[in-house]
Amino acid sequence: MIIDLRSDTVTKPTEDMMEAMMSAHVGDDVYKEDPTVNALEQRIAEMFGMDEALFFPSGTMANQTALKLHTNPGDQIICDKYAHIYNYEGGGASFNSGVSCNLIDGERGMFTAHQVKAAINPPDFYHSPLSRLVEIENTTNKGGGACWDFSELEKIKTVCDTHNLGFHLDGARLWNALVAQQYTAQHYGALFDTISVCLSKGLGCPIGSVLVGKKALMKNGIRVRKILGGGMRQVGYFAAAGLYALDHHLERLSEDHQNAKEIGAVLELAPYVKRVEPIETNIVIFELQEKIDVTVFLNRLKENNIHIIEMGGGKLRMVTHLNYTYTMHKTVLYTLKTIMI
């Protein structure tokens, strides 16, 4: 039994999800004739109270399209130093949109409205890039699945409106935040200009993300998706997985959160652990004591069929997910309690 906690992207479709996929009604999505894709897009747009939605093969492509819709070459994006668009999208912001990033030194991937205001370049100072967009990630990946304080997001929105800046949410794990907090998709839709959400992480789909936004911005979304190579044909088979997941896999995210917290509680007591970051959702990030060799520790876990990843900077990560079973969980807890390093 392999216990894969490297990411919530390692999940495989359930039998019921596969059945929904195989029975999907499909058409040519490039012509906007795939009824299942259209249904998924309409449903998610309505969930967020947004004008339009567009299906993408990946979260990176959805984010990159959003950046392109908001900016012109030479502009600058304000984001956190931990931001996925800066660290994990292959330099796409500069390659695809010709923009730079002004990185904020936030806390666990989150910053304040005051920091945003301080990061805005004077619009009449032509020596510096023109600040055009503020981008945030919720939950934060490198921040350990942290959820933003919604009141701070409202303050940042006020700064954006005052300075004529766009506001984009990388919501790859927004579903987790919605389950962990009391705010709804409608709350977020009222705040942001564009939002990307992943179906292939916590919801357990094999592929897919959706970008939602206001009509004025989204009108060119399908063109940018085409330029990036994202035109798809009978993709309704994958969209059907998304519709199934929204019906059956959303509320169960709380189970992943509980499992992550139980793992964190064991790690807190482990003599080989230096620090465990606060756990709010399904990501556990921790550091080993200085005397512990990370490679030795990872290999010792692999000997027990447990796979996790190193994030750099001495940080290790575990992510709970749909395919992480009760039996696996008990094995992980026991192993972490008894492993000898």
C-alpha atoms as a PDB file:
ATOM      1  CA  MET A   1       0.000   0.000   0.000  1.00  0.00           C
ATOM      2  CA  ILE A   2       1.605   3.252  -1.192  1.00  0.00           C
ATOM      3  CA  ILE A   3       0.559   6.277   0.863  1.00  0.00           C
ATOM      4  CA  ASP A   4       1.096   9.313  -1.351  1.00  0.00           C
ATOM      5  CA  LEU A   5       0.923  12.596   0.551  1.00  0.00           C
ATOM      6  CA  ARG A   6       3.004  14.650  -1.874  1.00  0.00           C
ATOM      7  CA  SER A   7      -0.025  16.591  -3.099  1.00  0.00           C
ATOM      8  CA  ASP A   8      -3.793  16.521  -3.479  1.00  0.00           C
ATOM      9  CA  THR A   9      -3.177  16.299  -7.237  1.00  0.00           C
ATOM     10  CA  VAL A  10      -2.317  12.585  -7.012  1.00  0.00           C
ATOM     11  CA  THR A  11      -5.943  11.489  -6.652  1.00  0.00           C
ATOM     12  CA  LYS A  12      -7.671   9.217  -9.138  1.00  0.00           C
ATOM     13  CA  PRO A  13     -11.333   9.372 -10.160  1.00  0.00           C
ATOM     14  CA  THR A  14     -13.734   7.298  -8.093  1.00  0.00           C
ATOM     15  CA  GLU A  15     -15.830   4.656  -9.827  1.00  0.00           C
ATOM     16  CA  ASP A  16     -18.899   6.885  -9.656  1.00  0.00           C
ATOM     17  CA  MET A  17     -16.964   9.811 -11.108  1.00  0.00           C
ATOM     18  CA  MET A  18     -15.729   7.597 -13.954  1.00  0.00           C
ATOM     19  CA  GLU A  19     -19.301   6.533 -14.643  1.00  0.00           C
ATOM     20  CA  ALA A  20     -20.394  10.180 -14.803  1.00  0.00           C
ATOM     21  CA  MET A  21     -17.528  10.941 -17.182  1.00  0.00           C
ATOM     22  CA  MET A  22     -18.260   8.055 -19.508  1.00  0.00           C
ATOM     23  CA  SER A  23     -21.945   8.908 -19.741  1.00  0.00           C
ATOM     24  CA  ALA A  24     -21.375  12.605 -20.470  1.00  0.00           C
ATOM     25  CA  HIS A  25     -22.993  14.287 -23.483  1.00  0.00           C
ATOM     26  CA  VAL A  26     -20.225  15.988 -25.433  1.00  0.00           C
ATOM     27  CA  GLY A  27     -19.655  18.255 -28.403  1.00  0.00           C
ATOM     28  CA  ASP A  28     -16.919  20.452 -29.853  1.00  0.00           C
ATOM     29  CA  ASP A  29     -15.949  22.935 -27.166  1.00  0.00           C
ATOM     30  CA  VAL A  30     -13.953  25.106 -29.589  1.00  0.00           C
ATOM     31  CA  TYR A  31     -17.320  25.883 -31.170  1.00  0.00           C
ATOM     32  CA  LYS A  32     -18.800  26.169 -27.649  1.00  0.00           C
ATOM     33  CA  GLU A  33     -21.018  23.178 -28.513  1.00  0.00           C
ATOM     34  CA  ASP A  34     -20.103  20.865 -25.647  1.00  0.00           C
ATOM     35  CA  PRO A  35     -23.214  20.825 -23.423  1.00  0.00           C
ATOM     36  CA  THR A  36     -21.428  19.422 -20.397  1.00  0.00           C
ATOM     37  CA  VAL A  37     -18.676  22.043 -20.493  1.00  0.00           C
ATOM     38  CA  ASN A  38     -21.299  24.742 -20.944  1.00  0.00           C
ATOM     39  CA  ALA A  39     -23.216  23.394 -17.944  1.00  0.00           C
ATOM     40  CA  LEU A  40     -20.099  23.356 -15.760  1.00  0.00           C
ATOM     41  CA  GLU A  41     -19.133  26.886 -16.771  1.00  0.00           C
ATOM     42  CA  GLN A  42     -22.638  28.188 -16.125  1.00  0.00           C
ATOM     43  CA  ARG A  43     -22.847  26.472 -12.757  1.00  0.00           C
ATOM     44  CA  ILE A  44     -19.538  27.849 -11.472  1.00  0.00           C
ATOM     45  CA  ALA A  45     -20.259  31.333 -12.823  1.00  0.00           C
ATOM     46  CA  GLU A  46     -23.573  31.292 -10.949  1.00  0.00           C
ATOM     47  CA  MET A  47     -21.909  29.969  -7.791  1.00  0.00           C
ATOM     48  CA  PHE A  48     -19.628  33.008  -7.707  1.00  0.00           C
ATOM     49  CA  GLY A  49     -22.173  35.461  -9.035  1.00  0.00           C
ATOM     50  CA  MET A  50     -19.867  36.178 -11.971  1.00  0.00           C
ATOM     51  CA  ASP A  51     -20.799  37.002 -15.553  1.00  0.00           C
ATOM     52  CA  GLU A  52     -18.823  34.303 -17.334  1.00  0.00           C
ATOM     53  CA  ALA A  53     -16.691  31.207 -16.763  1.00  0.00           C
ATOM     54  CA  LEU A  54     -14.205  29.379 -18.978  1.00  0.00           C
ATOM     55  CA  PHE A  55     -12.900  25.811 -18.622  1.00  0.00           C
ATOM     56  CA  PHE A  56      -9.121  25.229 -18.780  1.00  0.00           C
ATOM     57  CA  PRO A  57      -6.943  22.118 -18.796  1.00  0.00           C
ATOM     58  CA  SER A  58      -4.826  23.460 -15.919  1.00  0.00           C
ATOM     59  CA  GLY A  59      -4.785  25.998 -13.130  1.00  0.00           C
ATOM     60  CA  THR A  60      -1.565  27.475 -14.469  1.00  0.00           C
ATOM     61  CA  MET A  61      -3.193  28.215 -17.826  1.00  0.00           C
ATOM     62  CA  ALA A  62      -6.211  29.741 -16.097  1.00  0.00           C
ATOM     63  CA  ASN A  63      -3.980  31.995 -14.004  1.00  0.00           C
ATOM     64  CA  GLN A  64      -1.821  32.936 -16.961  1.00  0.00           C
ATOM     65  CA  THR A  65      -4.900  33.868 -18.954  1.00  0.00           C
ATOM     66  CA  ALA A  66      -6.119  36.055 -16.093  1.00  0.00           C
ATOM     67  CA  LEU A  67      -2.783  37.869 -15.905  1.00  0.00           C
ATOM     68  CA  LYS A  68      -2.914  38.526 -19.644  1.00  0.00           C
ATOM     69  CA  LEU A  69      -6.483  39.841 -19.436  1.00  0.00           C
ATOM     70  CA  HIS A  70      -5.552  42.289 -16.699  1.00  0.00           C
ATOM     71  CA  THR A  71      -2.231  43.623 -17.982  1.00  0.00           C
ATOM     72  CA  ASN A  72      -0.186  44.956 -20.861  1.00  0.00           C
ATOM     73  CA  PRO A  73       3.521  44.250 -21.491  1.00  0.00           C
ATOM     74  CA  GLY A  74       5.655  46.310 -19.152  1.00  0.00           C
ATOM     75  CA  ASP A  75       3.050  46.394 -16.371  1.00  0.00           C
ATOM     76  CA  GLN A  76       3.659  45.065 -12.882  1.00  0.00           C
ATOM     77  CA  ILE A  77       1.734  42.645 -10.673  1.00  0.00           C
ATOM     78  CA  ILE A  78       1.716  42.973  -6.889  1.00  0.00           C
ATOM     79  CA  CYS A  79       1.794  39.552  -5.202  1.00  0.00           C
ATOM     80  CA  ASP A  80       3.333  37.691  -2.293  1.00  0.00           C
ATOM     81  CA  LYS A  81       6.835  36.233  -2.434  1.00  0.00           C
ATOM     82  CA  TYR A  82       5.217  32.790  -1.987  1.00  0.00           C
ATOM     83  CA  ALA A  83       2.765  33.299  -4.879  1.00  0.00           C
ATOM     84  CA  HIS A  84       2.211  30.331  -7.179  1.00  0.00           C
ATOM     85  CA  ILE A  85       2.212  32.613 -10.239  1.00  0.00           C
ATOM     86  CA  TYR A  86       5.751  33.686  -9.329  1.00  0.00           C
ATOM     87  CA  ASN A  87       7.272  30.460  -7.988  1.00  0.00           C
ATOM     88  CA  TYR A  88       5.560  27.596  -9.796  1.00  0.00           C
ATOM     89  CA  GLU A  89       4.320  28.703 -13.206  1.00  0.00           C
ATOM     90  CA  GLY A  90       7.581  28.545 -15.106  1.00  0.00           C
ATOM     91  CA  GLY A  91       8.102  32.293 -15.397  1.00  0.00           C
ATOM     92  CA  GLY A  92       4.893  32.495 -17.388  1.00  0.00           C
ATOM     93  CA  ALA A  93       4.033  35.995 -16.169  1.00  0.00           C
ATOM     94  CA  SER A  94       7.069  37.408 -17.967  1.00  0.00           C
ATOM     95  CA  PHE A  95       6.992  34.961 -20.895  1.00  0.00           C
ATOM     96  CA  ASN A  96       3.297  35.198 -21.726  1.00  0.00           C
ATOM     97  CA  SER A  97       2.367  38.703 -20.586  1.00  0.00           C
ATOM     98  CA  GLY A  98       5.668  40.564 -20.465  1.00  0.00           C
ATOM     99  CA  VAL A  99       5.042  41.718 -16.896  1.00  0.00           C
ATOM    100  CA  SER A 100       7.108  41.801 -13.724  1.00  0.00           C
ATOM    101  CA  CYS A 101       6.140  40.979 -10.155  1.00  0.00           C
ATOM    102  CA  ASN A 102       6.538  43.282  -7.180  1.00  0.00           C
ATOM    103  CA  LEU A 103       6.889  40.792  -4.345  1.00  0.00           C
ATOM    104  CA  ILE A 104       5.471  41.538  -0.915  1.00  0.00           C
ATOM    105  CA  ASP A 105       7.132  39.963   2.120  1.00  0.00           C
ATOM    106  CA  GLY A 106       3.942  38.650   3.659  1.00  0.00           C
ATOM    107  CA  GLU A 107       3.159  36.202   6.437  1.00  0.00           C
ATOM    108  CA  ARG A 108       2.567  32.613   5.241  1.00  0.00           C
ATOM    109  CA  GLY A 109       1.733  33.919   1.766  1.00  0.00           C
ATOM    110  CA  MET A 110      -0.629  36.651   2.980  1.00  0.00           C
ATOM    111  CA  PHE A 111      -0.146  40.413   3.187  1.00  0.00           C
ATOM    112  CA  THR A 112      -2.060  43.500   4.277  1.00  0.00           C
ATOM    113  CA  ALA A 113      -3.809  46.335   2.496  1.00  0.00           C
ATOM    114  CA  HIS A 114      -1.160  48.671   3.928  1.00  0.00           C
ATOM    115  CA  GLN A 115       1.563  46.614   2.251  1.00  0.00           C
ATOM    116  CA  VAL A 116      -0.318  46.725  -1.050  1.00  0.00           C
ATOM    117  CA  LYS A 117      -0.625  50.484  -0.873  1.00  0.00           C
ATOM    118  CA  ALA A 118       3.101  50.801  -0.191  1.00  0.00           C
ATOM    119  CA  ALA A 119       3.913  48.565  -3.182  1.00  0.00           C
ATOM    120  CA  ILE A 120       2.016  50.639  -5.762  1.00  0.00           C
ATOM    121  CA  ASN A 121       4.307  52.546  -8.109  1.00  0.00           C
ATOM    122  CA  PRO A 122       3.399  56.211  -8.755  1.00  0.00           C
ATOM    123  CA  PRO A 123       1.437  56.123 -12.046  1.00  0.00           C
ATOM    124  CA  ASP A 124       3.044  59.343 -13.324  1.00  0.00           C
ATOM    125  CA  PHE A 125       6.607  58.141 -12.594  1.00  0.00           C
ATOM    126  CA  TYR A 126       7.469  56.636 -15.957  1.00  0.00           C
ATOM    127  CA  HIS A 127      10.786  55.172 -14.774  1.00  0.00           C
ATOM    128  CA  SER A 128       8.996  52.403 -12.883  1.00  0.00           C
ATOM    129  CA  PRO A 129       6.547  49.778 -14.170  1.00  0.00           C
ATOM    130  CA  LEU A 130       2.879  50.645 -14.027  1.00  0.00           C
ATOM    131  CA  SER A 131       1.171  48.796 -11.180  1.00  0.00           C
ATOM    132  CA  ARG A 132      -1.843  47.130 -12.754  1.00  0.00           C
ATOM    133  CA  LEU A 133      -2.943  44.082 -10.760  1.00  0.00           C
ATOM    134  CA  VAL A 134      -3.000  42.693  -7.229  1.00  0.00           C
ATOM    135  CA  GLU A 135      -2.935  38.896  -7.071  1.00  0.00           C
ATOM    136  CA  ILE A 136      -3.581  36.737  -4.020  1.00  0.00           C
ATOM    137  CA  GLU A 137      -3.662  32.966  -3.435  1.00  0.00           C
ATOM    138  CA  ASN A 138      -6.259  31.352  -1.161  1.00  0.00           C
ATOM    139  CA  THR A 139      -5.507  28.973   0.386  1.00  0.00           C
ATOM    140  CA  THR A 140      -1.767  29.583   0.285  1.00  0.00           C
ATOM    141  CA  ASN A 141       0.318  26.662  -0.923  1.00  0.00           C
ATOM    142  CA  LYS A 142       3.743  27.558   0.487  1.00  0.00           C
ATOM    143  CA  GLY A 143       1.957  29.133   3.437  1.00  0.00           C
ATOM    144  CA  GLY A 144       0.669  25.736   4.522  1.00  0.00           C
ATOM    145  CA  GLY A 145      -2.931  25.911   3.370  1.00  0.00           C
ATOM    146  CA  ALA A 146      -3.590  29.142   5.253  1.00  0.00           C
ATOM    147  CA  CYS A 147      -6.887  30.964   4.721  1.00  0.00           C
ATOM    148  CA  TRP A 148      -6.945  34.727   4.265  1.00  0.00           C
ATOM    149  CA  ASP A 149      -8.777  36.974   6.694  1.00  0.00           C
ATOM    150  CA  PHE A 150     -11.726  38.043   4.551  1.00  0.00           C
ATOM    151  CA  SER A 151     -11.884  41.475   6.155  1.00  0.00           C
ATOM    152  CA  GLU A 152      -8.307  42.097   4.999  1.00  0.00           C
ATOM    153  CA  LEU A 153      -9.276  41.105   1.472  1.00  0.00           C
ATOM    154  CA  GLU A 154     -12.055  43.686   1.624  1.00  0.00           C
ATOM    155  CA  LYS A 155      -9.517  46.317   2.636  1.00  0.00           C
ATOM    156  CA  ILE A 156      -7.237  45.316  -0.245  1.00  0.00           C
ATOM    157  CA  LYS A 157     -10.203  45.590  -2.617  1.00  0.00           C
ATOM    158  CA  THR A 158     -10.718  49.170  -1.454  1.00  0.00           C
ATOM    159  CA  VAL A 159      -7.069  49.934  -2.225  1.00  0.00           C
ATOM    160  CA  CYS A 160      -7.461  48.345  -5.666  1.00  0.00           C
ATOM    161  CA  ASP A 161     -10.553  50.408  -6.433  1.00  0.00           C
ATOM    162  CA  THR A 162      -8.912  53.608  -5.232  1.00  0.00           C
ATOM    163  CA  HIS A 163      -5.851  53.072  -7.417  1.00  0.00           C
ATOM    164  CA  ASN A 164      -7.607  51.503 -10.413  1.00  0.00           C
ATOM    165  CA  LEU A 165      -5.946  48.102  -9.967  1.00  0.00           C
ATOM    166  CA  GLY A 166      -7.359  44.736 -10.974  1.00  0.00           C
ATOM    167  CA  PHE A 167      -7.856  42.068  -8.322  1.00  0.00           C
ATOM    168  CA  HIS A 168      -7.246  38.381  -9.175  1.00  0.00           C
ATOM    169  CA  LEU A 169      -7.641  35.366  -6.920  1.00  0.00           C
ATOM    170  CA  ASP A 170      -5.661  32.207  -7.543  1.00  0.00           C
ATOM    171  CA  GLY A 171      -8.212  29.914  -5.928  1.00  0.00           C
ATOM    172  CA  ALA A 172      -6.557  26.591  -6.676  1.00  0.00           C
ATOM    173  CA  ARG A 173      -7.621  25.484  -3.198  1.00  0.00           C
ATOM    174  CA  LEU A 174     -10.397  28.013  -2.644  1.00  0.00           C
ATOM    175  CA  TRP A 175     -12.833  25.119  -2.142  1.00  0.00           C
ATOM    176  CA  ASN A 176     -10.879  24.265   1.017  1.00  0.00           C
ATOM    177  CA  ALA A 177     -11.193  27.841   2.272  1.00  0.00           C
ATOM    178  CA  LEU A 178     -14.936  27.845   1.588  1.00  0.00           C
ATOM    179  CA  VAL A 179     -15.362  24.709   3.701  1.00  0.00           C
ATOM    180  CA  ALA A 180     -13.027  25.888   6.471  1.00  0.00           C
ATOM    181  CA  GLN A 181     -14.565  29.359   6.834  1.00  0.00           C
ATOM    182  CA  GLN A 182     -18.053  30.839   6.833  1.00  0.00           C
ATOM    183  CA  TYR A 183     -17.726  32.770   3.579  1.00  0.00           C
ATOM    184  CA  THR A 184     -19.369  31.632   0.347  1.00  0.00           C
ATOM    185  CA  ALA A 185     -18.395  31.663  -3.309  1.00  0.00           C
ATOM    186  CA  GLN A 186     -20.744  34.638  -3.711  1.00  0.00           C
ATOM    187  CA  HIS A 187     -18.729  36.605  -1.153  1.00  0.00           C
ATOM    188  CA  TYR A 188     -15.567  36.051  -3.169  1.00  0.00           C
ATOM    189  CA  GLY A 189     -17.262  36.742  -6.485  1.00  0.00           C
ATOM    190  CA  ALA A 190     -18.381  40.136  -5.216  1.00  0.00           C
ATOM    191  CA  LEU A 191     -14.816  41.026  -4.256  1.00  0.00           C
ATOM    192  CA  PHE A 192     -12.597  39.900  -7.128  1.00  0.00           C
ATOM    193  CA  ASP A 193     -12.498  40.753 -10.827  1.00  0.00           C
ATOM    194  CA  THR A 194     -11.315  37.267 -11.787  1.00  0.00           C
ATOM    195  CA  ILE A 195     -11.027  33.983  -9.874  1.00  0.00           C
ATOM    196  CA  SER A 196      -9.457  30.679 -10.917  1.00  0.00           C
ATOM    197  CA  VAL A 197     -10.540  27.464  -9.215  1.00  0.00           C
ATOM    198  CA  CYS A 198      -9.041  23.989  -9.587  1.00  0.00           C
ATOM    199  CA  LEU A 199     -11.100  20.839  -9.950  1.00  0.00           C
ATOM    200  CA  SER A 200      -8.072  18.532  -9.935  1.00  0.00           C
ATOM    201  CA  LYS A 201      -6.906  19.112  -6.350  1.00  0.00           C
ATOM    202  CA  GLY A 202      -9.280  18.770  -3.412  1.00  0.00           C
ATOM    203  CA  LEU A 203     -12.247  17.833  -5.582  1.00  0.00           C
ATOM    204  CA  GLY A 204     -10.400  14.856  -7.029  1.00  0.00           C
ATOM    205  CA  CYS A 205     -10.939  15.373 -10.767  1.00  0.00           C
ATOM    206  CA  PRO A 206      -8.322  14.072 -13.224  1.00  0.00           C
ATOM    207  CA  ILE A 207      -7.987  17.440 -14.962  1.00  0.00           C
ATOM    208  CA  GLY A 208      -9.466  20.898 -15.126  1.00  0.00           C
ATOM    209  CA  SER A 209      -9.704  24.427 -13.790  1.00  0.00           C
ATOM    210  CA  VAL A 210     -12.221  27.188 -14.372  1.00  0.00           C
ATOM    211  CA  LEU A 211     -11.670  30.938 -14.639  1.00  0.00           C
ATOM    212  CA  VAL A 212     -14.605  33.152 -13.709  1.00  0.00           C
ATOM    213  CA  GLY A 213     -14.842  36.892 -14.087  1.00  0.00           C
ATOM    214  CA  LYS A 214     -16.640  39.988 -15.160  1.00  0.00           C
ATOM    215  CA  LYS A 215     -17.780  40.200 -18.772  1.00  0.00           C
ATOM    216  CA  ALA A 216     -15.573  43.175 -19.669  1.00  0.00           C
ATOM    217  CA  LEU A 217     -12.479  41.132 -18.818  1.00  0.00           C
ATOM    218  CA  MET A 218     -13.644  37.669 -19.861  1.00  0.00           C
ATOM    219  CA  LYS A 219     -14.663  38.654 -23.393  1.00  0.00           C
ATOM    220  CA  ASN A 220     -11.084  37.981 -24.559  1.00  0.00           C
ATOM    221  CA  GLY A 221     -10.555  34.943 -22.349  1.00  0.00           C
ATOM    222  CA  ILE A 222     -11.252  32.362 -25.021  1.00  0.00           C
ATOM    223  CA  ARG A 223      -8.860  34.139 -27.411  1.00  0.00           C
ATOM    224  CA  VAL A 224      -6.044  34.079 -24.853  1.00  0.00           C
ATOM    225  CA  ARG A 225      -6.792  30.435 -24.054  1.00  0.00           C
ATOM    226  CA  LYS A 226      -6.458  29.653 -27.765  1.00  0.00           C
ATOM    227  CA  ILE A 227      -3.140  31.507 -27.989  1.00  0.00           C
ATOM    228  CA  LEU A 228      -1.833  29.496 -25.047  1.00  0.00           C
ATOM    229  CA  GLY A 229      -2.859  26.260 -26.755  1.00  0.00           C
ATOM    230  CA  GLY A 230      -5.916  25.589 -24.647  1.00  0.00           C
ATOM    231  CA  GLY A 231      -8.509  24.979 -27.331  1.00  0.00           C
ATOM    232  CA  MET A 232     -10.157  21.623 -26.596  1.00  0.00           C
ATOM    233  CA  ARG A 233     -12.716  19.489 -28.384  1.00  0.00           C
ATOM    234  CA  GLN A 234     -14.914  16.869 -26.664  1.00  0.00           C
ATOM    235  CA  VAL A 235     -13.717  17.915 -23.240  1.00  0.00           C
ATOM    236  CA  GLY A 236     -17.127  17.370 -21.665  1.00  0.00           C
ATOM    237  CA  TYR A 237     -15.865  14.022 -20.366  1.00  0.00           C
ATOM    238  CA  PHE A 238     -13.635  15.987 -18.011  1.00  0.00           C
ATOM    239  CA  ALA A 239     -16.227  18.657 -17.297  1.00  0.00           C
ATOM    240  CA  ALA A 240     -18.578  15.871 -16.162  1.00  0.00           C
ATOM    241  CA  ALA A 241     -16.019  14.966 -13.509  1.00  0.00           C
ATOM    242  CA  GLY A 242     -16.167  18.562 -12.291  1.00  0.00           C
ATOM    243  CA  LEU A 243     -19.950  18.551 -12.067  1.00  0.00           C
ATOM    244  CA  TYR A 244     -19.873  15.256 -10.180  1.00  0.00           C
ATOM    245  CA  ALA A 245     -17.221  16.580  -7.778  1.00  0.00           C
ATOM    246  CA  LEU A 246     -19.217  19.693  -6.970  1.00  0.00           C
ATOM    247  CA  ASP A 247     -22.147  17.466  -6.032  1.00  0.00           C
ATOM    248  CA  HIS A 248     -20.239  14.833  -4.060  1.00  0.00           C
ATOM    249  CA  HIS A 249     -16.724  15.915  -3.073  1.00  0.00           C
ATOM    250  CA  LEU A 250     -17.065  19.463  -1.782  1.00  0.00           C
ATOM    251  CA  GLU A 251     -18.331  19.023   1.767  1.00  0.00           C
ATOM    252  CA  ARG A 252     -16.036  16.060   2.410  1.00  0.00           C
ATOM    253  CA  LEU A 253     -13.021  18.399   2.285  1.00  0.00           C
ATOM    254  CA  SER A 254     -13.556  18.839   6.030  1.00  0.00           C
ATOM    255  CA  GLU A 255     -12.344  15.233   6.428  1.00  0.00           C
ATOM    256  CA  ASP A 256      -9.050  16.164   4.777  1.00  0.00           C
ATOM    257  CA  HIS A 257      -8.722  19.136   7.106  1.00  0.00           C
ATOM    258  CA  GLN A 258      -9.311  16.975  10.181  1.00  0.00           C
ATOM    259  CA  ASN A 259      -6.773  14.381   9.028  1.00  0.00           C
ATOM    260  CA  ALA A 260      -4.174  17.092   8.440  1.00  0.00           C
ATOM    261  CA  LYS A 261      -4.719  18.501  11.928  1.00  0.00           C
ATOM    262  CA  GLU A 262      -4.325  15.042  13.464  1.00  0.00           C
ATOM    263  CA  ILE A 263      -1.050  14.557  11.588  1.00  0.00           C
ATOM    264  CA  GLY A 264       0.094  17.949  12.805  1.00  0.00           C
ATOM    265  CA  ALA A 265      -0.730  17.066  16.407  1.00  0.00           C
ATOM    266  CA  VAL A 266       1.502  13.982  16.200  1.00  0.00           C
ATOM    267  CA  LEU A 267       4.332  15.941  14.573  1.00  0.00           C
ATOM    268  CA  GLU A 268       4.130  18.575  17.319  1.00  0.00           C
ATOM    269  CA  LEU A 269       5.124  15.896  19.836  1.00  0.00           C
ATOM    270  CA  ALA A 270       7.763  14.194  17.690  1.00  0.00           C
ATOM    271  CA  PRO A 271      11.332  14.709  18.978  1.00  0.00           C
ATOM    272  CA  TYR A 272      12.701  14.982  15.440  1.00  0.00           C
ATOM    273  CA  VAL A 273      10.452  17.933  14.515  1.00  0.00           C
ATOM    274  CA  LYS A 274      11.531  21.518  15.107  1.00  0.00           C
ATOM    275  CA  ARG A 275       8.364  23.311  14.069  1.00  0.00           C
ATOM    276  CA  VAL A 276       4.920  22.655  12.595  1.00  0.00           C
ATOM    277  CA  GLU A 277       3.199  25.542  10.855  1.00  0.00           C
ATOM    278  CA  PRO A 278      -0.417  26.295  11.828  1.00  0.00           C
ATOM    279  CA  ILE A 279      -2.845  23.948  10.067  1.00  0.00           C
ATOM    280  CA  GLU A 280      -6.182  25.256   8.820  1.00  0.00           C
ATOM    281  CA  THR A 281      -6.968  23.050   5.844  1.00  0.00           C
ATOM    282  CA  ASN A 282      -5.346  20.035   4.166  1.00  0.00           C
ATOM    283  CA  ILE A 283      -1.661  21.033   4.035  1.00  0.00           C
ATOM    284  CA  VAL A 284       0.885  20.178   6.728  1.00  0.00           C
ATOM    285  CA  ILE A 285       4.256  21.959   6.570  1.00  0.00           C
ATOM    286  CA  PHE A 286       6.932  21.210   9.139  1.00  0.00           C
ATOM    287  CA  GLU A 287      10.669  21.499   9.748  1.00  0.00           C
ATOM    288  CA  LEU A 288      13.043  18.928  11.179  1.00  0.00           C
ATOM    289  CA  GLN A 289      15.543  19.506  13.935  1.00  0.00           C
ATOM    290  CA  GLU A 290      18.880  20.759  12.586  1.00  0.00           C
ATOM    291  CA  LYS A 291      20.659  17.501  13.399  1.00  0.00           C
ATOM    292  CA  ILE A 292      18.243  15.452  11.270  1.00  0.00           C
ATOM    293  CA  ASP A 293      19.228  14.733   7.661  1.00  0.00           C
ATOM    294  CA  VAL A 294      16.200  15.458   5.475  1.00  0.00           C
ATOM    295  CA  THR A 295      17.119  12.822   2.889  1.00  0.00           C
ATOM    296  CA  VAL A 296      17.472  10.163   5.567  1.00  0.00           C
ATOM    297  CA  PHE A 297      14.082  11.116   6.997  1.00  0.00           C
ATOM    298  CA  LEU A 298      12.362  11.007   3.599  1.00  0.00           C
ATOM    299  CA  ASN A 299      13.908   7.630   2.833  1.00  0.00           C
ATOM    300  CA  ARG A 300      12.822   6.269   6.197  1.00  0.00           C
ATOM    301  CA  LEU A 301       9.242   7.259   5.387  1.00  0.00           C
ATOM    302  CA  LYS A 302       9.534   5.658   1.940  1.00  0.00           C
ATOM    303  CA  GLU A 303      10.624   2.418   3.620  1.00  0.00           C
ATOM    304  CA  ASN A 304       7.192   2.563   5.255  1.00  0.00           C
ATOM    305  CA  ASN A 305       5.543   3.327   1.880  1.00  0.00           C
ATOM    306  CA  ILE A 306       4.859   6.961   2.843  1.00  0.00           C
ATOM    307  CA  HIS A 307       5.759   9.592   0.256  1.00  0.00           C
ATOM    308  CA  ILE A 308       5.974  13.316   1.038  1.00  0.00           C
ATOM    309  CA  ILE A 309       7.943  16.179  -0.528  1.00  0.00           C
ATOM    310  CA  GLU A 310      10.629  18.653   0.436  1.00  0.00           C
ATOM    311  CA  MET A 311       9.710  22.257  -0.392  1.00  0.00           C
ATOM    312  CA  GLY A 312      13.172  23.765   0.086  1.00  0.00           C
ATOM    313  CA  GLY A 313      14.391  25.932   2.899  1.00  0.00           C
ATOM    314  CA  GLY A 314      14.204  22.954   5.265  1.00  0.00           C
ATOM    315  CA  LYS A 315      10.429  22.652   4.920  1.00  0.00           C
ATOM    316  CA  LEU A 316       8.599  19.359   4.337  1.00  0.00           C
ATOM    317  CA  ARG A 317       5.003  19.037   3.173  1.00  0.00           C
ATOM    318  CA  MET A 318       2.169  16.558   3.485  1.00  0.00           C
ATOM    319  CA  VAL A 319      -1.195  17.056   1.781  1.00  0.00           C
ATOM    320  CA  THR A 320      -4.280  15.030   2.685  1.00  0.00           C
ATOM    321  CA  HIS A 321      -6.810  14.211  -0.033  1.00  0.00           C
ATOM    322  CA  LEU A 322      -9.690  12.158  -1.378  1.00  0.00           C
ATOM    323  CA  ASN A 323      -7.694   8.941  -1.837  1.00  0.00           C
ATOM    324  CA  TYR A 324      -6.097   9.081   1.616  1.00  0.00           C
ATOM    325  CA  THR A 325      -8.055   6.405   3.463  1.00  0.00           C
ATOM    326  CA  TYR A 326      -8.752   5.736   7.132  1.00  0.00           C
ATOM    327  CA  THR A 327      -6.344   2.782   7.084  1.00  0.00           C
ATOM    328  CA  MET A 328      -3.626   4.929   5.500  1.00  0.00           C
ATOM    329  CA  HIS A 329      -4.198   7.629   8.086  1.00  0.00           C
ATOM    330  CA  LYS A 330      -3.760   5.221  10.991  1.00  0.00           C
ATOM    331  CA  THR A 331      -0.572   3.887   9.405  1.00  0.00           C
ATOM    332  CA  VAL A 332       0.839   7.387   8.975  1.00  0.00           C
ATOM    333  CA  LEU A 333       0.062   8.392  12.559  1.00  0.00           C
ATOM    334  CA  TYR A 334       1.628   5.204  13.909  1.00  0.00           C
ATOM    335  CA  THR A 335       4.722   5.593  11.721  1.00  0.00           C
ATOM    336  CA  LEU A 336       5.274   9.207  12.726  1.00  0.00           C
ATOM    337  CA  LYS A 337       4.984   8.241  16.391  1.00  0.00           C
ATOM    338  CA  THR A 338       7.396   5.289  16.217  1.00  0.00           C
ATOM    339  CA  ILE A 339       9.890   6.114  13.469  1.00  0.00           C
ATOM    340  CA  MET A 340      13.499   6.143  14.592  1.00  0.00           C
ATOM    341  CA  ILE A 341      15.797   8.774  13.046  1.00  0.00           C
END
